[in-house]
Amino acid sequence: MEKGSVCVTGGTGFLASWMIKRLLEEGYYVNTTIRSNSGLKKDVSYLTNLPGAHERLKIFEADLSKPKSFDAPIKGCIGVFHVAHPIDFEGKEPEEVQTERAIKGSLGILQACVDSNTVKKVVYTSSGSTVIFNGKKYTEVLDEESWSDIDYIHTYLKEFGAPYFVSKTLTEKAILNFGENNGLDVVTVLPTFINGPFLGPRCPGSVYVSMAMIFGDTTKYDMLIKVDFVHVDDVARAHIHLLEYPYAEGRYICTKAGVTLIELYNLLSSRYPEYKMPNIDSFKDDKNKKFPGVSSKKLLSTGFQFNYGLEEMFDDAINCCKRNNIL
């Protein structure tokens, strides 16, 4: 069973924690990083109680603003999953500061991988948002050749999470360039909206937005005008698959199902009639909030298969919210 040691950055996050669960199940030793919390002890029991964690999980404190703090958790690892990224949709810190921290921290992590002499591959968690924001028609389906345009993001997405989209796009470019220039094997995974169950006690942001209709939060409907979804377990499995797949190269979009607001409302209202969902009559068919679709063709060409469709994503998310008394 044992496959060697890997490092997962940002271990308390939605995707990273699920990846740790998966990696332990598959026999890996896992080093993960969490941010130090000003002396407050963070509850990580949902990680330490995972099957196999007692024997094969080590937790380190590290912070993107202190890149050298990643040296210890990366030492001796054969692979690194870099998932951690500053998230600030409220705009509490300037975009330039957020972007600089993400890039500087990420390049520090990659340098630690080079210095380790043991890391064979880095898999970086990027985002579908690094592909779709460039003015292409919403009827198009884009692949990994497409990049989001920073000027377009600044012009049209000011109220829509622009700093995150900018920092994610520029960080992914910097990471791929570093890999190319330093002989480090780097691949990037670009998930769309991640939905499904979660390990932590709180509902992750992407699950909450995905389930805005279930929660009755119409303020998030704008983000669902036209959206692509993927199950968290499929995203975790895709990362591990690309670490193990010897011919992986460059970027890989990871998405399963695309729907419009109307299609999503029809699905959820008929499948879960017990939830009184605010109707969508007041929402116009706003073409400015419709963005191109994306294709997972390249990922599928490696032999990867998705295990979950749209119904399973929502079934699993709802059941998890019920278990956590969130619904």
C-alpha atoms as a PDB file:
ATOM      1  CA  MET A   1       0.000   0.000   0.000  1.00  0.00           C
ATOM      2  CA  GLU A   2       2.696   2.503   0.964  1.00  0.00           C
ATOM      3  CA  LYS A   3       3.563   4.902  -1.852  1.00  0.00           C
ATOM      4  CA  GLY A   4       5.952   7.387  -0.232  1.00  0.00           C
ATOM      5  CA  SER A   5       5.475  10.889   1.184  1.00  0.00           C
ATOM      6  CA  VAL A   6       3.661  13.832  -0.388  1.00  0.00           C
ATOM      7  CA  CYS A   7       2.951  17.340   0.845  1.00  0.00           C
ATOM      8  CA  VAL A   8      -0.447  19.078   0.640  1.00  0.00           C
ATOM      9  CA  THR A   9      -0.430  22.830   1.304  1.00  0.00           C
ATOM     10  CA  GLY A  10      -3.429  24.524   2.922  1.00  0.00           C
ATOM     11  CA  GLY A  11      -4.585  21.327   4.610  1.00  0.00           C
ATOM     12  CA  THR A  12      -7.642  22.728   6.415  1.00  0.00           C
ATOM     13  CA  GLY A  13      -9.250  23.895   3.167  1.00  0.00           C
ATOM     14  CA  PHE A  14     -12.222  22.243   1.473  1.00  0.00           C
ATOM     15  CA  LEU A  15     -10.335  20.564  -1.382  1.00  0.00           C
ATOM     16  CA  ALA A  16      -7.015  20.032   0.429  1.00  0.00           C
ATOM     17  CA  SER A  17      -8.630  18.223   3.364  1.00  0.00           C
ATOM     18  CA  TRP A  18     -10.498  15.921   0.980  1.00  0.00           C
ATOM     19  CA  MET A  19      -7.244  15.254  -0.894  1.00  0.00           C
ATOM     20  CA  ILE A  20      -5.578  14.282   2.402  1.00  0.00           C
ATOM     21  CA  LYS A  21      -8.421  11.819   3.035  1.00  0.00           C
ATOM     22  CA  ARG A  22      -7.975  10.322  -0.439  1.00  0.00           C
ATOM     23  CA  LEU A  23      -4.175  10.152  -0.235  1.00  0.00           C
ATOM     24  CA  LEU A  24      -4.298   8.368   3.115  1.00  0.00           C
ATOM     25  CA  GLU A  25      -6.805   5.885   1.678  1.00  0.00           C
ATOM     26  CA  GLU A  26      -4.409   5.204  -1.190  1.00  0.00           C
ATOM     27  CA  GLY A  27      -1.447   4.485   1.083  1.00  0.00           C
ATOM     28  CA  TYR A  28       0.535   7.735   0.954  1.00  0.00           C
ATOM     29  CA  TYR A  29       2.321   9.342   3.863  1.00  0.00           C
ATOM     30  CA  VAL A  30       1.076  12.932   3.977  1.00  0.00           C
ATOM     31  CA  ASN A  31       2.688  16.106   5.280  1.00  0.00           C
ATOM     32  CA  THR A  32       0.245  18.998   5.311  1.00  0.00           C
ATOM     33  CA  THR A  33       0.568  22.672   6.152  1.00  0.00           C
ATOM     34  CA  ILE A  34      -1.816  24.901   8.073  1.00  0.00           C
ATOM     35  CA  ARG A  35      -1.488  28.576   8.856  1.00  0.00           C
ATOM     36  CA  SER A  36      -0.476  29.492  12.394  1.00  0.00           C
ATOM     37  CA  ASN A  37      -3.422  31.216  14.015  1.00  0.00           C
ATOM     38  CA  SER A  38      -1.988  33.888  16.330  1.00  0.00           C
ATOM     39  CA  GLY A  39      -1.582  31.510  19.228  1.00  0.00           C
ATOM     40  CA  LEU A  40      -5.118  30.147  18.906  1.00  0.00           C
ATOM     41  CA  LYS A  41      -5.218  26.379  18.633  1.00  0.00           C
ATOM     42  CA  LYS A  42      -7.036  25.414  15.453  1.00  0.00           C
ATOM     43  CA  ASP A  43      -9.289  22.358  15.648  1.00  0.00           C
ATOM     44  CA  VAL A  44      -7.905  19.927  13.077  1.00  0.00           C
ATOM     45  CA  SER A  45      -9.556  16.836  14.515  1.00  0.00           C
ATOM     46  CA  TYR A  46     -11.370  16.291  11.216  1.00  0.00           C
ATOM     47  CA  LEU A  47      -7.905  15.648   9.745  1.00  0.00           C
ATOM     48  CA  THR A  48      -6.272  13.792  12.620  1.00  0.00           C
ATOM     49  CA  ASN A  49      -9.289  11.463  12.959  1.00  0.00           C
ATOM     50  CA  LEU A  50      -9.108  10.321   9.334  1.00  0.00           C
ATOM     51  CA  PRO A  51      -8.346   6.603   8.821  1.00  0.00           C
ATOM     52  CA  GLY A  52      -4.559   6.214   8.609  1.00  0.00           C
ATOM     53  CA  ALA A  53      -3.856   9.721   9.925  1.00  0.00           C
ATOM     54  CA  HIS A  54      -2.362   8.582  13.228  1.00  0.00           C
ATOM     55  CA  GLU A  55       0.356   6.621  11.405  1.00  0.00           C
ATOM     56  CA  ARG A  56       0.820   8.596   8.191  1.00  0.00           C
ATOM     57  CA  LEU A  57      -0.225  12.243   8.606  1.00  0.00           C
ATOM     58  CA  LYS A  58       2.036  15.021   9.883  1.00  0.00           C
ATOM     59  CA  ILE A  59       0.811  18.604  10.304  1.00  0.00           C
ATOM     60  CA  PHE A  60       3.185  21.569   9.953  1.00  0.00           C
ATOM     61  CA  GLU A  61       2.592  25.291  10.428  1.00  0.00           C
ATOM     62  CA  ALA A  62       3.494  27.321   7.344  1.00  0.00           C
ATOM     63  CA  ASP A  63       2.403  30.570   5.703  1.00  0.00           C
ATOM     64  CA  LEU A  64       2.614  31.824   2.106  1.00  0.00           C
ATOM     65  CA  SER A  65       4.046  35.111   3.414  1.00  0.00           C
ATOM     66  CA  LYS A  66       6.978  33.074   4.822  1.00  0.00           C
ATOM     67  CA  PRO A  67       8.012  30.785   1.962  1.00  0.00           C
ATOM     68  CA  LYS A  68      10.902  29.235   3.925  1.00  0.00           C
ATOM     69  CA  SER A  69       8.322  27.800   6.337  1.00  0.00           C
ATOM     70  CA  PHE A  70       7.496  25.208   3.647  1.00  0.00           C
ATOM     71  CA  ASP A  71      11.015  23.720   3.573  1.00  0.00           C
ATOM     72  CA  ALA A  72      10.400  21.284   6.439  1.00  0.00           C
ATOM     73  CA  PRO A  73       7.072  19.815   5.244  1.00  0.00           C
ATOM     74  CA  ILE A  74       8.422  19.373   1.692  1.00  0.00           C
ATOM     75  CA  LYS A  75      11.684  17.713   2.770  1.00  0.00           C
ATOM     76  CA  GLY A  76      11.750  14.047   1.730  1.00  0.00           C
ATOM     77  CA  CYS A  77       8.521  14.203  -0.290  1.00  0.00           C
ATOM     78  CA  ILE A  78       8.208  12.712  -3.790  1.00  0.00           C
ATOM     79  CA  GLY A  79       5.323  14.971  -4.769  1.00  0.00           C
ATOM     80  CA  VAL A  80       3.737  18.254  -3.707  1.00  0.00           C
ATOM     81  CA  PHE A  81       0.114  19.328  -4.091  1.00  0.00           C
ATOM     82  CA  HIS A  82       0.087  23.104  -3.822  1.00  0.00           C
ATOM     83  CA  VAL A  83      -3.528  23.958  -2.945  1.00  0.00           C
ATOM     84  CA  ALA A  84      -3.148  26.938  -0.575  1.00  0.00           C
ATOM     85  CA  HIS A  85      -4.084  30.355  -1.973  1.00  0.00           C
ATOM     86  CA  PRO A  86      -5.152  33.650  -0.369  1.00  0.00           C
ATOM     87  CA  ILE A  87      -8.929  34.069  -0.683  1.00  0.00           C
ATOM     88  CA  ASP A  88     -10.351  37.541  -0.101  1.00  0.00           C
ATOM     89  CA  PHE A  89     -13.640  38.085  -1.934  1.00  0.00           C
ATOM     90  CA  GLU A  90     -14.503  40.954   0.423  1.00  0.00           C
ATOM     91  CA  GLY A  91     -11.563  43.020  -0.822  1.00  0.00           C
ATOM     92  CA  LYS A  92      -9.972  43.448   2.604  1.00  0.00           C
ATOM     93  CA  GLU A  93      -6.471  43.627   1.134  1.00  0.00           C
ATOM     94  CA  PRO A  94      -5.364  45.275  -2.131  1.00  0.00           C
ATOM     95  CA  GLU A  95      -5.240  43.054  -5.206  1.00  0.00           C
ATOM     96  CA  GLU A  96      -1.510  43.737  -5.691  1.00  0.00           C
ATOM     97  CA  VAL A  97      -0.735  42.590  -2.132  1.00  0.00           C
ATOM     98  CA  GLN A  98      -2.790  39.419  -2.488  1.00  0.00           C
ATOM     99  CA  THR A  99      -1.240  38.607  -5.862  1.00  0.00           C
ATOM    100  CA  GLU A 100       2.326  39.273  -4.722  1.00  0.00           C
ATOM    101  CA  ARG A 101       1.862  37.053  -1.655  1.00  0.00           C
ATOM    102  CA  ALA A 102       0.391  34.230  -3.760  1.00  0.00           C
ATOM    103  CA  ILE A 103       3.175  34.371  -6.349  1.00  0.00           C
ATOM    104  CA  LYS A 104       6.055  34.881  -3.910  1.00  0.00           C
ATOM    105  CA  GLY A 105       4.797  32.109  -1.641  1.00  0.00           C
ATOM    106  CA  SER A 106       4.196  29.725  -4.532  1.00  0.00           C
ATOM    107  CA  LEU A 107       7.629  30.289  -6.060  1.00  0.00           C
ATOM    108  CA  GLY A 108       9.164  29.780  -2.627  1.00  0.00           C
ATOM    109  CA  ILE A 109       7.365  26.444  -2.408  1.00  0.00           C
ATOM    110  CA  LEU A 110       8.631  25.466  -5.865  1.00  0.00           C
ATOM    111  CA  GLN A 111      12.183  26.437  -4.881  1.00  0.00           C
ATOM    112  CA  ALA A 112      11.870  24.218  -1.799  1.00  0.00           C
ATOM    113  CA  CYS A 113      10.831  21.405  -4.171  1.00  0.00           C
ATOM    114  CA  VAL A 114      13.948  21.942  -6.291  1.00  0.00           C
ATOM    115  CA  ASP A 115      16.185  22.135  -3.205  1.00  0.00           C
ATOM    116  CA  SER A 116      14.701  18.938  -1.741  1.00  0.00           C
ATOM    117  CA  ASN A 117      16.225  16.747  -4.496  1.00  0.00           C
ATOM    118  CA  THR A 118      13.361  14.294  -3.828  1.00  0.00           C
ATOM    119  CA  VAL A 119      10.264  15.985  -5.325  1.00  0.00           C
ATOM    120  CA  LYS A 120       9.524  14.502  -8.726  1.00  0.00           C
ATOM    121  CA  LYS A 121       6.372  16.481  -9.550  1.00  0.00           C
ATOM    122  CA  VAL A 122       4.301  19.428  -8.342  1.00  0.00           C
ATOM    123  CA  VAL A 123       0.545  19.551  -8.941  1.00  0.00           C
ATOM    124  CA  TYR A 124      -0.846  23.059  -8.505  1.00  0.00           C
ATOM    125  CA  THR A 125      -4.542  23.777  -7.920  1.00  0.00           C
ATOM    126  CA  SER A 126      -5.476  26.605 -10.239  1.00  0.00           C
ATOM    127  CA  SER A 127      -9.038  27.467 -11.284  1.00  0.00           C
ATOM    128  CA  GLY A 128     -11.347  27.453 -14.283  1.00  0.00           C
ATOM    129  CA  SER A 129     -11.422  31.226 -13.779  1.00  0.00           C
ATOM    130  CA  THR A 130      -7.933  31.413 -15.325  1.00  0.00           C
ATOM    131  CA  VAL A 131      -9.469  30.334 -18.670  1.00  0.00           C
ATOM    132  CA  ILE A 132     -12.899  31.912 -19.180  1.00  0.00           C
ATOM    133  CA  PHE A 133     -12.634  35.661 -18.492  1.00  0.00           C
ATOM    134  CA  ASN A 134     -11.435  37.051 -21.809  1.00  0.00           C
ATOM    135  CA  GLY A 135     -14.489  38.262 -23.697  1.00  0.00           C
ATOM    136  CA  LYS A 136     -15.109  35.061 -25.645  1.00  0.00           C
ATOM    137  CA  LYS A 137     -18.770  34.295 -26.397  1.00  0.00           C
ATOM    138  CA  TYR A 138     -20.688  32.317 -23.793  1.00  0.00           C
ATOM    139  CA  THR A 139     -21.632  29.827 -26.503  1.00  0.00           C
ATOM    140  CA  GLU A 140     -17.973  28.807 -26.926  1.00  0.00           C
ATOM    141  CA  VAL A 141     -16.267  25.921 -25.130  1.00  0.00           C
ATOM    142  CA  LEU A 142     -12.672  26.733 -24.204  1.00  0.00           C
ATOM    143  CA  ASP A 143      -9.682  24.478 -23.576  1.00  0.00           C
ATOM    144  CA  GLU A 144      -6.299  24.823 -21.856  1.00  0.00           C
ATOM    145  CA  GLU A 145      -4.928  27.076 -24.621  1.00  0.00           C
ATOM    146  CA  SER A 146      -7.195  29.885 -23.401  1.00  0.00           C
ATOM    147  CA  TRP A 147      -6.107  32.328 -20.684  1.00  0.00           C
ATOM    148  CA  SER A 148      -8.164  34.918 -18.831  1.00  0.00           C
ATOM    149  CA  ASP A 149      -7.284  38.514 -19.682  1.00  0.00           C
ATOM    150  CA  ILE A 150      -6.305  40.736 -16.736  1.00  0.00           C
ATOM    151  CA  ASP A 151      -7.636  43.934 -18.369  1.00  0.00           C
ATOM    152  CA  TYR A 152     -10.959  42.230 -19.095  1.00  0.00           C
ATOM    153  CA  ILE A 153     -11.220  41.089 -15.468  1.00  0.00           C
ATOM    154  CA  HIS A 154     -10.510  44.612 -14.208  1.00  0.00           C
ATOM    155  CA  THR A 155     -13.075  46.123 -16.577  1.00  0.00           C
ATOM    156  CA  TYR A 156     -15.991  43.711 -16.245  1.00  0.00           C
ATOM    157  CA  LEU A 157     -15.574  41.796 -13.001  1.00  0.00           C
ATOM    158  CA  LYS A 158     -14.880  44.462 -10.373  1.00  0.00           C
ATOM    159  CA  GLU A 159     -17.765  43.323  -8.165  1.00  0.00           C
ATOM    160  CA  PHE A 160     -17.373  39.672  -9.024  1.00  0.00           C
ATOM    161  CA  GLY A 161     -14.165  38.623  -7.241  1.00  0.00           C
ATOM    162  CA  ALA A 162     -11.661  40.275  -9.585  1.00  0.00           C
ATOM    163  CA  PRO A 163      -8.643  40.191  -7.193  1.00  0.00           C
ATOM    164  CA  TYR A 164      -8.966  36.425  -6.771  1.00  0.00           C
ATOM    165  CA  PHE A 165      -9.260  35.819 -10.531  1.00  0.00           C
ATOM    166  CA  VAL A 166      -6.255  38.052 -11.229  1.00  0.00           C
ATOM    167  CA  SER A 167      -4.051  36.505  -8.541  1.00  0.00           C
ATOM    168  CA  LYS A 168      -5.019  32.977  -9.605  1.00  0.00           C
ATOM    169  CA  THR A 169      -4.245  33.677 -13.283  1.00  0.00           C
ATOM    170  CA  LEU A 170      -0.909  35.385 -12.656  1.00  0.00           C
ATOM    171  CA  THR A 171       0.149  32.780 -10.069  1.00  0.00           C
ATOM    172  CA  GLU A 172      -0.551  29.882 -12.424  1.00  0.00           C
ATOM    173  CA  LYS A 173       1.489  31.554 -15.185  1.00  0.00           C
ATOM    174  CA  ALA A 174       4.380  32.193 -12.774  1.00  0.00           C
ATOM    175  CA  ILE A 175       4.314  28.590 -11.552  1.00  0.00           C
ATOM    176  CA  LEU A 176       4.362  27.107 -15.059  1.00  0.00           C
ATOM    177  CA  ASN A 177       7.198  29.458 -16.062  1.00  0.00           C
ATOM    178  CA  PHE A 178       9.229  28.522 -12.982  1.00  0.00           C
ATOM    179  CA  GLY A 179       8.821  24.822 -13.721  1.00  0.00           C
ATOM    180  CA  GLU A 180       9.938  25.301 -17.309  1.00  0.00           C
ATOM    181  CA  ASN A 181      12.932  27.451 -16.382  1.00  0.00           C
ATOM    182  CA  ASN A 182      14.106  25.251 -13.494  1.00  0.00           C
ATOM    183  CA  GLY A 183      13.585  21.756 -14.851  1.00  0.00           C
ATOM    184  CA  LEU A 184      10.801  21.031 -12.348  1.00  0.00           C
ATOM    185  CA  ASP A 185       7.878  18.864 -13.465  1.00  0.00           C
ATOM    186  CA  VAL A 186       4.819  21.059 -12.819  1.00  0.00           C
ATOM    187  CA  VAL A 187       1.213  20.445 -13.863  1.00  0.00           C
ATOM    188  CA  THR A 188      -1.831  22.544 -13.006  1.00  0.00           C
ATOM    189  CA  VAL A 189      -5.433  21.471 -12.346  1.00  0.00           C
ATOM    190  CA  LEU A 190      -8.224  23.919 -13.208  1.00  0.00           C
ATOM    191  CA  PRO A 191     -11.446  22.944 -11.404  1.00  0.00           C
ATOM    192  CA  THR A 192     -14.720  24.763 -11.972  1.00  0.00           C
ATOM    193  CA  PHE A 193     -17.209  25.260  -9.098  1.00  0.00           C
ATOM    194  CA  ILE A 194     -16.427  22.484  -6.595  1.00  0.00           C
ATOM    195  CA  ASN A 195     -19.466  20.981  -4.921  1.00  0.00           C
ATOM    196  CA  GLY A 196     -20.122  17.953  -2.720  1.00  0.00           C
ATOM    197  CA  PRO A 197     -19.374  16.838   0.854  1.00  0.00           C
ATOM    198  CA  PHE A 198     -16.791  18.462   3.117  1.00  0.00           C
ATOM    199  CA  LEU A 199     -14.764  17.412   6.154  1.00  0.00           C
ATOM    200  CA  GLY A 200     -14.556  20.646   8.114  1.00  0.00           C
ATOM    201  CA  PRO A 201     -17.329  21.948  10.390  1.00  0.00           C
ATOM    202  CA  ARG A 202     -18.305  24.908   8.189  1.00  0.00           C
ATOM    203  CA  CYS A 203     -19.859  25.002   4.734  1.00  0.00           C
ATOM    204  CA  PRO A 204     -17.139  25.933   2.186  1.00  0.00           C
ATOM    205  CA  GLY A 205     -17.755  29.020   0.060  1.00  0.00           C
ATOM    206  CA  SER A 206     -18.049  27.177  -3.249  1.00  0.00           C
ATOM    207  CA  VAL A 207     -20.552  24.707  -1.764  1.00  0.00           C
ATOM    208  CA  TYR A 208     -22.608  27.556  -0.295  1.00  0.00           C
ATOM    209  CA  VAL A 209     -22.773  29.384  -3.634  1.00  0.00           C
ATOM    210  CA  SER A 210     -23.537  26.137  -5.486  1.00  0.00           C
ATOM    211  CA  MET A 211     -26.400  25.547  -3.042  1.00  0.00           C
ATOM    212  CA  ALA A 212     -27.679  29.148  -2.971  1.00  0.00           C
ATOM    213  CA  MET A 213     -31.124  27.999  -4.106  1.00  0.00           C
ATOM    214  CA  ILE A 214     -31.309  25.380  -1.347  1.00  0.00           C
ATOM    215  CA  PHE A 215     -30.260  28.000   1.223  1.00  0.00           C
ATOM    216  CA  GLY A 216     -32.681  30.542  -0.290  1.00  0.00           C
ATOM    217  CA  ASP A 217     -29.908  33.119  -0.837  1.00  0.00           C
ATOM    218  CA  THR A 218     -30.855  35.071  -3.969  1.00  0.00           C
ATOM    219  CA  THR A 219     -27.807  37.353  -3.588  1.00  0.00           C
ATOM    220  CA  LYS A 220     -25.683  34.518  -5.004  1.00  0.00           C
ATOM    221  CA  TYR A 221     -27.928  33.774  -8.007  1.00  0.00           C
ATOM    222  CA  ASP A 222     -25.839  36.112 -10.195  1.00  0.00           C
ATOM    223  CA  MET A 223     -22.961  33.644  -9.936  1.00  0.00           C
ATOM    224  CA  LEU A 224     -25.166  30.807 -11.187  1.00  0.00           C
ATOM    225  CA  ILE A 225     -26.458  32.374 -14.422  1.00  0.00           C
ATOM    226  CA  LYS A 226     -24.299  29.872 -16.309  1.00  0.00           C
ATOM    227  CA  VAL A 227     -21.971  27.667 -14.313  1.00  0.00           C
ATOM    228  CA  ASP A 228     -19.866  24.500 -14.507  1.00  0.00           C
ATOM    229  CA  PHE A 229     -19.699  22.107 -11.543  1.00  0.00           C
ATOM    230  CA  VAL A 230     -17.433  19.271 -10.416  1.00  0.00           C
ATOM    231  CA  HIS A 231     -17.530  16.952  -7.388  1.00  0.00           C
ATOM    232  CA  VAL A 232     -14.818  17.463  -4.758  1.00  0.00           C
ATOM    233  CA  ASP A 233     -13.860  13.781  -4.832  1.00  0.00           C
ATOM    234  CA  ASP A 234     -13.351  13.874  -8.597  1.00  0.00           C
ATOM    235  CA  VAL A 235     -11.098  16.942  -8.230  1.00  0.00           C
ATOM    236  CA  ALA A 236      -9.045  15.223  -5.516  1.00  0.00           C
ATOM    237  CA  ARG A 237      -8.761  12.076  -7.623  1.00  0.00           C
ATOM    238  CA  ALA A 238      -7.712  14.124 -10.670  1.00  0.00           C
ATOM    239  CA  HIS A 239      -4.822  15.661  -8.703  1.00  0.00           C
ATOM    240  CA  ILE A 240      -3.591  12.252  -7.560  1.00  0.00           C
ATOM    241  CA  HIS A 241      -4.061  10.791 -11.044  1.00  0.00           C
ATOM    242  CA  LEU A 242      -1.904  13.532 -12.584  1.00  0.00           C
ATOM    243  CA  LEU A 243       0.802  13.040  -9.967  1.00  0.00           C
ATOM    244  CA  GLU A 244       0.937   9.354 -10.866  1.00  0.00           C
ATOM    245  CA  TYR A 245       0.413   9.719 -14.625  1.00  0.00           C
ATOM    246  CA  PRO A 246       3.919   9.818 -16.144  1.00  0.00           C
ATOM    247  CA  TYR A 247       3.009  11.824 -19.258  1.00  0.00           C
ATOM    248  CA  ALA A 248       1.106  14.665 -17.545  1.00  0.00           C
ATOM    249  CA  GLU A 249       2.146  18.057 -18.904  1.00  0.00           C
ATOM    250  CA  GLY A 250       0.863  21.617 -18.553  1.00  0.00           C
ATOM    251  CA  ARG A 251      -2.716  22.532 -17.668  1.00  0.00           C
ATOM    252  CA  TYR A 252      -5.764  20.287 -17.104  1.00  0.00           C
ATOM    253  CA  ILE A 253      -9.319  21.592 -16.874  1.00  0.00           C
ATOM    254  CA  CYS A 254     -11.393  19.549 -14.413  1.00  0.00           C
ATOM    255  CA  THR A 255     -15.160  19.901 -14.831  1.00  0.00           C
ATOM    256  CA  LYS A 256     -18.129  17.582 -15.193  1.00  0.00           C
ATOM    257  CA  ALA A 257     -21.442  19.393 -15.788  1.00  0.00           C
ATOM    258  CA  GLY A 258     -22.477  22.825 -17.043  1.00  0.00           C
ATOM    259  CA  VAL A 259     -25.945  24.277 -16.414  1.00  0.00           C
ATOM    260  CA  THR A 260     -27.839  27.547 -16.682  1.00  0.00           C
ATOM    261  CA  LEU A 261     -29.689  29.139 -13.772  1.00  0.00           C
ATOM    262  CA  ILE A 262     -33.019  27.926 -15.193  1.00  0.00           C
ATOM    263  CA  GLU A 263     -31.772  24.362 -15.672  1.00  0.00           C
ATOM    264  CA  LEU A 264     -30.363  24.308 -12.142  1.00  0.00           C
ATOM    265  CA  TYR A 265     -33.595  25.657 -10.659  1.00  0.00           C
ATOM    266  CA  ASN A 266     -35.655  23.038 -12.497  1.00  0.00           C
ATOM    267  CA  LEU A 267     -33.355  20.235 -11.333  1.00  0.00           C
ATOM    268  CA  LEU A 268     -33.175  21.285  -7.685  1.00  0.00           C
ATOM    269  CA  SER A 269     -36.825  22.276  -7.236  1.00  0.00           C
ATOM    270  CA  SER A 270     -38.031  18.933  -8.610  1.00  0.00           C
ATOM    271  CA  ARG A 271     -35.369  16.815  -6.852  1.00  0.00           C
ATOM    272  CA  TYR A 272     -35.609  18.534  -3.460  1.00  0.00           C
ATOM    273  CA  PRO A 273     -39.198  19.830  -3.142  1.00  0.00           C
ATOM    274  CA  GLU A 274     -38.839  20.036   0.656  1.00  0.00           C
ATOM    275  CA  TYR A 275     -36.748  23.214   0.260  1.00  0.00           C
ATOM    276  CA  LYS A 276     -38.690  26.395  -0.513  1.00  0.00           C
ATOM    277  CA  MET A 277     -36.470  27.935  -3.168  1.00  0.00           C
ATOM    278  CA  PRO A 278     -36.963  31.577  -4.154  1.00  0.00           C
ATOM    279  CA  ASN A 279     -38.040  31.564  -7.793  1.00  0.00           C
ATOM    280  CA  ILE A 280     -35.903  32.972 -10.567  1.00  0.00           C
ATOM    281  CA  ASP A 281     -38.552  35.028 -12.364  1.00  0.00           C
ATOM    282  CA  SER A 282     -36.893  38.311 -11.428  1.00  0.00           C
ATOM    283  CA  PHE A 283     -33.556  37.256 -12.934  1.00  0.00           C
ATOM    284  CA  LYS A 284     -33.124  38.379 -16.493  1.00  0.00           C
ATOM    285  CA  ASP A 285     -31.131  36.380 -19.004  1.00  0.00           C
ATOM    286  CA  ASP A 286     -28.096  38.629 -18.482  1.00  0.00           C
ATOM    287  CA  LYS A 287     -25.616  37.782 -21.213  1.00  0.00           C
ATOM    288  CA  ASN A 288     -22.927  39.837 -19.429  1.00  0.00           C
ATOM    289  CA  LYS A 289     -22.954  37.256 -16.646  1.00  0.00           C
ATOM    290  CA  LYS A 290     -22.723  34.301 -18.987  1.00  0.00           C
ATOM    291  CA  PHE A 291     -19.209  33.068 -19.653  1.00  0.00           C
ATOM    292  CA  PRO A 292     -17.859  30.398 -21.990  1.00  0.00           C
ATOM    293  CA  GLY A 293     -17.929  26.742 -21.044  1.00  0.00           C
ATOM    294  CA  VAL A 294     -14.798  24.643 -20.576  1.00  0.00           C
ATOM    295  CA  SER A 295     -13.834  21.135 -21.624  1.00  0.00           C
ATOM    296  CA  SER A 296     -12.150  18.315 -19.687  1.00  0.00           C
ATOM    297  CA  LYS A 297     -11.178  16.550 -22.916  1.00  0.00           C
ATOM    298  CA  LYS A 298      -7.442  16.752 -22.176  1.00  0.00           C
ATOM    299  CA  LEU A 299      -7.867  15.282 -18.672  1.00  0.00           C
ATOM    300  CA  LEU A 300     -10.094  12.483 -20.003  1.00  0.00           C
ATOM    301  CA  SER A 301      -7.478  11.675 -22.658  1.00  0.00           C
ATOM    302  CA  THR A 302      -5.095  10.588 -19.849  1.00  0.00           C
ATOM    303  CA  GLY A 303      -7.500   7.819 -18.844  1.00  0.00           C
ATOM    304  CA  PHE A 304      -9.140   9.714 -15.984  1.00  0.00           C
ATOM    305  CA  GLN A 305     -12.862   9.130 -15.426  1.00  0.00           C
ATOM    306  CA  PHE A 306     -15.377  11.214 -13.478  1.00  0.00           C
ATOM    307  CA  ASN A 307     -17.375   9.271 -10.886  1.00  0.00           C
ATOM    308  CA  TYR A 308     -20.066  11.826 -10.064  1.00  0.00           C
ATOM    309  CA  GLY A 309     -22.753  13.722 -11.938  1.00  0.00           C
ATOM    310  CA  LEU A 310     -24.699  16.830 -10.950  1.00  0.00           C
ATOM    311  CA  GLU A 311     -27.302  14.943  -8.919  1.00  0.00           C
ATOM    312  CA  GLU A 312     -24.660  13.168  -6.801  1.00  0.00           C
ATOM    313  CA  MET A 313     -22.850  16.465  -6.140  1.00  0.00           C
ATOM    314  CA  PHE A 314     -25.982  18.027  -4.671  1.00  0.00           C
ATOM    315  CA  ASP A 315     -27.117  14.857  -2.872  1.00  0.00           C
ATOM    316  CA  ASP A 316     -23.730  14.601  -1.155  1.00  0.00           C
ATOM    317  CA  ALA A 317     -23.556  18.325  -0.322  1.00  0.00           C
ATOM    318  CA  ILE A 318     -27.072  18.377   1.142  1.00  0.00           C
ATOM    319  CA  ASN A 319     -26.498  15.229   3.208  1.00  0.00           C
ATOM    320  CA  CYS A 320     -23.224  16.657   4.532  1.00  0.00           C
ATOM    321  CA  CYS A 321     -24.907  19.950   5.469  1.00  0.00           C
ATOM    322  CA  LYS A 322     -27.616  17.997   7.310  1.00  0.00           C
ATOM    323  CA  ARG A 323     -24.998  16.009   9.251  1.00  0.00           C
ATOM    324  CA  ASN A 324     -23.358  19.283  10.284  1.00  0.00           C
ATOM    325  CA  ASN A 325     -26.680  20.893  11.208  1.00  0.00           C
ATOM    326  CA  ILE A 326     -26.221  23.525   8.507  1.00  0.00           C
ATOM    327  CA  LEU A 327     -29.510  22.650   6.817  1.00  0.00           C
END
